[in-house]
N, C-alpha and C. Protein backbone atom coordinates (compact mmCIF):
# COMPACT_ATOMS: atom_id res chain seq x y z
N MET A 1 53.58 98.43 98.50
CA MET A 1 54.60 98.09 99.46
C MET A 1 54.97 96.62 99.28
N ALA A 2 56.25 96.33 99.46
CA ALA A 2 56.74 94.96 99.29
C ALA A 2 56.29 94.08 100.44
N SER A 3 56.06 92.82 100.12
CA SER A 3 55.70 91.86 101.16
C SER A 3 56.94 91.49 101.97
N VAL A 4 56.71 90.86 103.11
CA VAL A 4 57.82 90.43 103.96
C VAL A 4 58.72 89.47 103.19
N ALA A 5 58.13 88.58 102.44
CA ALA A 5 58.92 87.61 101.66
C ALA A 5 59.77 88.33 100.61
N GLU A 6 59.21 89.35 99.99
CA GLU A 6 59.97 90.10 98.99
C GLU A 6 61.13 90.87 99.64
N VAL A 7 60.89 91.43 100.80
CA VAL A 7 61.95 92.15 101.52
C VAL A 7 63.05 91.17 101.90
N LYS A 8 62.67 90.03 102.45
CA LYS A 8 63.68 89.03 102.84
C LYS A 8 64.47 88.56 101.63
N ALA A 9 63.82 88.35 100.51
CA ALA A 9 64.51 87.91 99.29
C ALA A 9 65.48 88.98 98.80
N ALA A 10 65.06 90.24 98.88
CA ALA A 10 65.94 91.33 98.46
C ALA A 10 67.15 91.46 99.39
N VAL A 11 66.93 91.30 100.68
CA VAL A 11 68.04 91.35 101.64
C VAL A 11 68.98 90.17 101.40
N ASP A 12 68.43 88.99 101.16
CA ASP A 12 69.27 87.82 100.87
C ASP A 12 70.13 88.05 99.63
N ALA A 13 69.54 88.66 98.61
CA ALA A 13 70.30 88.96 97.38
C ALA A 13 71.42 89.95 97.68
N ALA A 14 71.12 90.95 98.47
CA ALA A 14 72.14 91.93 98.85
C ALA A 14 73.26 91.27 99.65
N LEU A 15 72.88 90.38 100.56
CA LEU A 15 73.88 89.70 101.38
C LEU A 15 74.77 88.79 100.52
N GLN A 16 74.21 88.23 99.46
CA GLN A 16 75.02 87.43 98.54
C GLN A 16 76.05 88.33 97.86
N GLN A 17 75.65 89.53 97.50
CA GLN A 17 76.59 90.47 96.91
C GLN A 17 77.68 90.86 97.91
N VAL A 18 77.30 91.05 99.15
CA VAL A 18 78.29 91.36 100.19
C VAL A 18 79.27 90.20 100.32
N SER A 19 78.76 88.98 100.31
CA SER A 19 79.62 87.80 100.40
C SER A 19 80.63 87.77 99.25
N GLU A 20 80.17 88.09 98.06
CA GLU A 20 81.08 88.14 96.91
C GLU A 20 82.12 89.23 97.10
N GLY A 21 81.70 90.36 97.66
CA GLY A 21 82.65 91.43 97.96
C GLY A 21 83.67 91.00 98.99
N GLN A 22 83.22 90.25 99.99
CA GLN A 22 84.14 89.76 101.01
C GLN A 22 85.20 88.83 100.40
N GLN A 23 84.78 88.02 99.46
CA GLN A 23 85.73 87.13 98.78
C GLN A 23 86.76 87.94 98.01
N ALA A 24 86.32 89.02 97.38
CA ALA A 24 87.24 89.89 96.65
C ALA A 24 88.21 90.58 97.61
N ILE A 25 87.72 90.99 98.77
CA ILE A 25 88.58 91.61 99.77
C ILE A 25 89.64 90.61 100.24
N GLN A 26 89.21 89.39 100.51
CA GLN A 26 90.16 88.36 100.95
C GLN A 26 91.22 88.11 99.88
N ALA A 27 90.79 88.05 98.62
CA ALA A 27 91.73 87.83 97.52
C ALA A 27 92.72 89.00 97.43
N ALA A 28 92.23 90.21 97.61
CA ALA A 28 93.10 91.38 97.57
C ALA A 28 94.12 91.34 98.71
N ARG A 29 93.66 90.93 99.89
CA ARG A 29 94.58 90.83 101.03
C ARG A 29 95.67 89.79 100.76
N GLU A 30 95.28 88.67 100.15
CA GLU A 30 96.26 87.64 99.83
C GLU A 30 97.29 88.17 98.83
N LYS A 31 96.83 88.89 97.81
CA LYS A 31 97.74 89.45 96.81
C LYS A 31 98.67 90.48 97.44
N LEU A 32 98.15 91.30 98.34
CA LEU A 32 99.00 92.26 99.03
C LEU A 32 100.06 91.56 99.86
N GLY A 33 99.68 90.48 100.51
CA GLY A 33 100.65 89.70 101.29
C GLY A 33 101.74 89.13 100.40
N GLU A 34 101.34 88.62 99.25
CA GLU A 34 102.32 88.09 98.30
C GLU A 34 103.25 89.20 97.81
N ALA A 35 102.66 90.36 97.53
CA ALA A 35 103.46 91.50 97.06
C ALA A 35 104.44 91.94 98.12
N GLN A 36 103.99 91.93 99.36
CA GLN A 36 104.87 92.35 100.45
C GLN A 36 106.04 91.38 100.60
N GLN A 37 105.77 90.09 100.46
CA GLN A 37 106.84 89.09 100.54
C GLN A 37 107.81 89.23 99.37
N SER A 38 107.28 89.46 98.18
CA SER A 38 108.13 89.64 97.00
C SER A 38 109.00 90.87 97.15
N LEU A 39 108.41 91.93 97.63
CA LEU A 39 109.15 93.17 97.84
C LEU A 39 110.25 92.97 98.87
N ALA A 40 109.91 92.28 99.94
CA ALA A 40 110.90 92.02 100.99
C ALA A 40 112.08 91.20 100.44
N ALA A 41 111.77 90.21 99.63
CA ALA A 41 112.82 89.37 99.06
C ALA A 41 113.68 90.16 98.07
N ALA A 42 113.04 90.98 97.27
CA ALA A 42 113.76 91.75 96.25
C ALA A 42 114.64 92.83 96.87
N LEU A 43 114.21 93.38 97.97
CA LEU A 43 114.91 94.52 98.56
C LEU A 43 115.56 94.18 99.89
N ASP A 44 115.79 92.89 100.11
CA ASP A 44 116.39 92.42 101.37
C ASP A 44 117.70 93.14 101.65
N GLY A 45 117.79 93.69 102.83
CA GLY A 45 119.02 94.35 103.25
C GLY A 45 119.09 95.83 102.91
N SER A 46 118.14 96.30 102.15
CA SER A 46 118.16 97.71 101.80
C SER A 46 117.72 98.55 102.99
N GLY A 47 118.47 99.55 103.29
CA GLY A 47 118.13 100.44 104.40
C GLY A 47 117.48 101.72 103.93
N ASN A 48 117.13 101.77 102.66
CA ASN A 48 116.55 102.98 102.10
C ASN A 48 115.19 103.28 102.72
N ASP A 49 114.95 104.55 103.01
CA ASP A 49 113.68 104.96 103.61
C ASP A 49 112.48 104.63 102.71
N ALA A 50 112.69 104.68 101.41
CA ALA A 50 111.59 104.39 100.48
C ALA A 50 111.12 102.95 100.62
N VAL A 51 112.04 102.04 100.92
CA VAL A 51 111.69 100.64 101.11
C VAL A 51 110.83 100.48 102.35
N SER A 52 111.24 101.14 103.42
CA SER A 52 110.45 101.09 104.67
C SER A 52 109.07 101.69 104.45
N THR A 53 109.02 102.78 103.70
CA THR A 53 107.74 103.42 103.43
C THR A 53 106.84 102.52 102.58
N ALA A 54 107.43 101.83 101.62
CA ALA A 54 106.66 100.91 100.78
C ALA A 54 106.07 99.79 101.63
N HIS A 55 106.87 99.23 102.52
CA HIS A 55 106.37 98.17 103.41
C HIS A 55 105.26 98.70 104.32
N ALA A 56 105.45 99.87 104.85
CA ALA A 56 104.43 100.46 105.73
C ALA A 56 103.14 100.73 104.97
N SER A 57 103.27 101.17 103.73
CA SER A 57 102.08 101.45 102.92
C SER A 57 101.31 100.17 102.61
N LEU A 58 102.02 99.11 102.32
CA LEU A 58 101.34 97.83 102.08
C LEU A 58 100.67 97.32 103.34
N SER A 59 101.31 97.49 104.47
CA SER A 59 100.69 97.09 105.74
C SER A 59 99.45 97.91 106.01
N GLN A 60 99.50 99.19 105.72
CA GLN A 60 98.34 100.06 105.92
C GLN A 60 97.20 99.66 104.99
N ALA A 61 97.54 99.31 103.75
CA ALA A 61 96.51 98.86 102.81
C ALA A 61 95.84 97.59 103.31
N ASP A 62 96.64 96.67 103.83
CA ASP A 62 96.10 95.43 104.38
C ASP A 62 95.17 95.72 105.55
N GLN A 63 95.57 96.63 106.42
CA GLN A 63 94.73 96.98 107.57
C GLN A 63 93.42 97.62 107.12
N SER A 64 93.50 98.45 106.09
CA SER A 64 92.28 99.07 105.56
C SER A 64 91.32 98.02 105.01
N LEU A 65 91.87 97.03 104.34
CA LEU A 65 91.03 95.94 103.83
C LEU A 65 90.43 95.13 104.97
N GLU A 66 91.20 94.92 106.02
CA GLU A 66 90.69 94.20 107.20
C GLU A 66 89.54 94.99 107.83
N ASP A 67 89.71 96.31 107.91
CA ASP A 67 88.64 97.16 108.45
C ASP A 67 87.40 97.08 107.57
N CYS A 68 87.60 97.05 106.28
CA CYS A 68 86.49 96.92 105.34
C CYS A 68 85.76 95.60 105.54
N LEU A 69 86.52 94.54 105.70
CA LEU A 69 85.93 93.22 105.93
C LEU A 69 85.13 93.22 107.22
N SER A 70 85.66 93.83 108.26
CA SER A 70 84.93 93.91 109.53
C SER A 70 83.62 94.68 109.37
N ALA A 71 83.65 95.74 108.59
CA ALA A 71 82.43 96.52 108.36
C ALA A 71 81.38 95.69 107.62
N THR A 72 81.82 94.87 106.68
CA THR A 72 80.85 94.04 105.96
C THR A 72 80.24 92.98 106.87
N LEU A 73 81.06 92.46 107.79
CA LEU A 73 80.52 91.48 108.74
C LEU A 73 79.46 92.12 109.63
N GLN A 74 79.71 93.34 110.04
CA GLN A 74 78.73 94.06 110.86
C GLN A 74 77.45 94.34 110.06
N ALA A 75 77.63 94.70 108.80
CA ALA A 75 76.46 94.95 107.95
C ALA A 75 75.62 93.69 107.79
N ILE A 76 76.27 92.57 107.58
CA ILE A 76 75.54 91.30 107.46
C ILE A 76 74.78 91.00 108.74
N ASP A 77 75.44 91.16 109.86
CA ASP A 77 74.81 90.89 111.15
C ASP A 77 73.57 91.76 111.33
N GLN A 78 73.68 93.02 111.02
CA GLN A 78 72.55 93.93 111.20
C GLN A 78 71.40 93.62 110.23
N ALA A 79 71.76 93.28 109.00
CA ALA A 79 70.73 92.93 108.01
C ALA A 79 70.00 91.65 108.43
N GLN A 80 70.74 90.68 108.93
CA GLN A 80 70.12 89.44 109.38
C GLN A 80 69.26 89.67 110.62
N THR A 81 69.71 90.54 111.50
CA THR A 81 68.90 90.89 112.67
C THR A 81 67.59 91.52 112.24
N TYR A 82 67.67 92.40 111.27
CA TYR A 82 66.46 93.07 110.75
C TYR A 82 65.49 92.05 110.15
N THR A 83 66.00 91.19 109.27
CA THR A 83 65.07 90.24 108.63
C THR A 83 64.50 89.24 109.62
N ALA A 84 65.24 88.93 110.67
CA ALA A 84 64.73 88.02 111.70
C ALA A 84 63.56 88.64 112.46
N GLN A 85 63.53 89.96 112.48
CA GLN A 85 62.45 90.65 113.19
C GLN A 85 61.20 90.85 112.35
N LEU A 86 61.31 90.56 111.06
CA LEU A 86 60.15 90.75 110.17
C LEU A 86 59.09 89.70 110.43
């Protein structure tokens, strides 16, 4: 069985990976925002339903990434709570 120190070190390593994932999520959200702005500029004034659907889809993707980020924050909190109890 692993020692407390080994468990804490393993959790810390996992949390570092989560942090790297969070950075990737943030970068993806920024790129989606840029894409949405570019799309809006390129299709300004278009009343086509496909344009509205594209905007809505990008907004939904952004919300999904936000939900993912929130889940990682909760995971970090719970992991830290666990290691604090060791």
